[in-house]
Amino acid sequence: MAEVRRDSQHNLRALVHNTLSRSPYFAGRNFEVDFRENDVILRGVVRTYYQKQLAQELVRKIEGVHQIDNQIEVISA
């Protein structure tokens, strides 16, 4: 059972990374994606609160994502 869960988390992690990397707002940005139970934890750095919220909303649309702990930091240039 743990192996199935690990595989599903791996697939979900790949989906999250792919979804964020396709957005022109996040070109060249690296996000860390972790899991706690069924929650997705997002970490990284963006320049605006809009980008932080956008990342969360893009991930929210992914099937299998239940809750998001958005720990993305906003650091403006």
Protein backbone atom coordinates (compact mmCIF):
# COMPACT_ATOMS: atom_id res chain seq x y z
CA MET A 1 0.00 0.00 0.00
CA ALA A 2 2.84 2.41 0.81
CA GLU A 3 4.35 1.75 -2.63
CA VAL A 4 1.09 2.71 -4.37
CA ARG A 5 0.89 5.89 -2.29
CA ARG A 6 4.49 6.79 -3.12
CA ASP A 7 3.81 6.25 -6.85
CA SER A 8 0.67 8.39 -6.75
CA GLN A 9 2.56 11.15 -4.93
CA HIS A 10 5.34 10.93 -7.52
CA ASN A 11 2.78 11.27 -10.34
CA LEU A 12 1.02 14.13 -8.56
CA ARG A 13 4.35 15.89 -7.96
CA ALA A 14 5.13 15.62 -11.68
CA LEU A 15 1.68 17.00 -12.57
CA VAL A 16 2.16 19.96 -10.23
CA HIS A 17 5.61 20.75 -11.63
CA ASN A 18 4.37 20.42 -15.23
CA THR A 19 1.35 22.62 -14.57
CA LEU A 20 3.43 25.38 -13.01
CA SER A 21 6.21 25.20 -15.61
CA ARG A 22 3.71 25.65 -18.48
CA SER A 23 2.59 28.99 -17.08
CA PRO A 24 4.45 31.99 -18.52
CA TYR A 25 4.32 33.57 -15.05
CA PHE A 26 6.64 30.91 -13.69
CA ALA A 27 9.16 30.42 -16.50
CA GLY A 28 12.52 29.57 -14.99
CA ARG A 29 11.14 29.30 -11.45
CA ASN A 30 11.74 26.25 -9.32
CA PHE A 31 9.07 25.14 -6.92
CA GLU A 32 9.41 22.51 -4.26
CA VAL A 33 6.41 20.21 -3.93
CA ASP A 34 5.98 18.09 -0.81
CA PHE A 35 3.14 16.13 0.71
CA ARG A 36 1.64 15.80 4.16
CA GLU A 37 -1.15 13.23 4.21
CA ASN A 38 -3.31 14.36 1.25
CA ASP A 39 -2.14 17.97 1.33
CA VAL A 40 0.20 19.45 -1.25
CA ILE A 41 2.84 21.79 0.17
CA LEU A 42 4.18 24.42 -2.24
CA ARG A 43 7.47 26.21 -1.60
CA GLY A 44 9.43 28.62 -3.72
CA VAL A 45 9.89 32.31 -4.40
CA VAL A 46 7.85 34.63 -6.62
CA ARG A 47 7.84 38.41 -7.12
CA THR A 48 4.17 39.20 -6.46
CA TYR A 49 1.26 38.06 -4.32
CA TYR A 50 -0.67 37.61 -7.56
CA GLN A 51 1.86 34.98 -8.67
CA LYS A 52 1.61 33.25 -5.30
CA GLN A 53 -2.17 33.07 -5.60
CA LEU A 54 -1.99 32.04 -9.26
CA ALA A 55 0.32 29.13 -8.44
CA GLN A 56 -2.12 27.96 -5.78
CA GLU A 57 -5.13 28.20 -8.11
CA LEU A 58 -3.34 26.36 -10.93
CA VAL A 59 -2.48 23.52 -8.55
CA ARG A 60 -6.00 23.48 -7.08
CA LYS A 61 -7.39 22.47 -10.51
CA ILE A 62 -5.32 19.26 -10.60
CA GLU A 63 -7.28 16.10 -9.94
CA GLY A 64 -6.11 14.44 -6.74
CA VAL A 65 -5.18 17.67 -4.97
CA HIS A 66 -7.28 17.99 -1.83
CA GLN A 67 -5.74 20.89 0.08
CA ILE A 68 -2.81 23.19 -0.54
CA ASP A 69 -0.42 24.58 2.03
CA ASN A 70 0.96 27.55 0.09
CA GLN A 71 4.34 28.40 1.62
CA ILE A 72 5.58 30.29 -1.44
CA GLU A 73 7.46 33.43 -0.44
CA VAL A 74 6.94 36.79 -2.11
CA ILE A 75 10.18 38.73 -2.58
CA SER A 76 9.86 41.74 -4.84
CA ALA A 77 12.90 42.99 -6.70
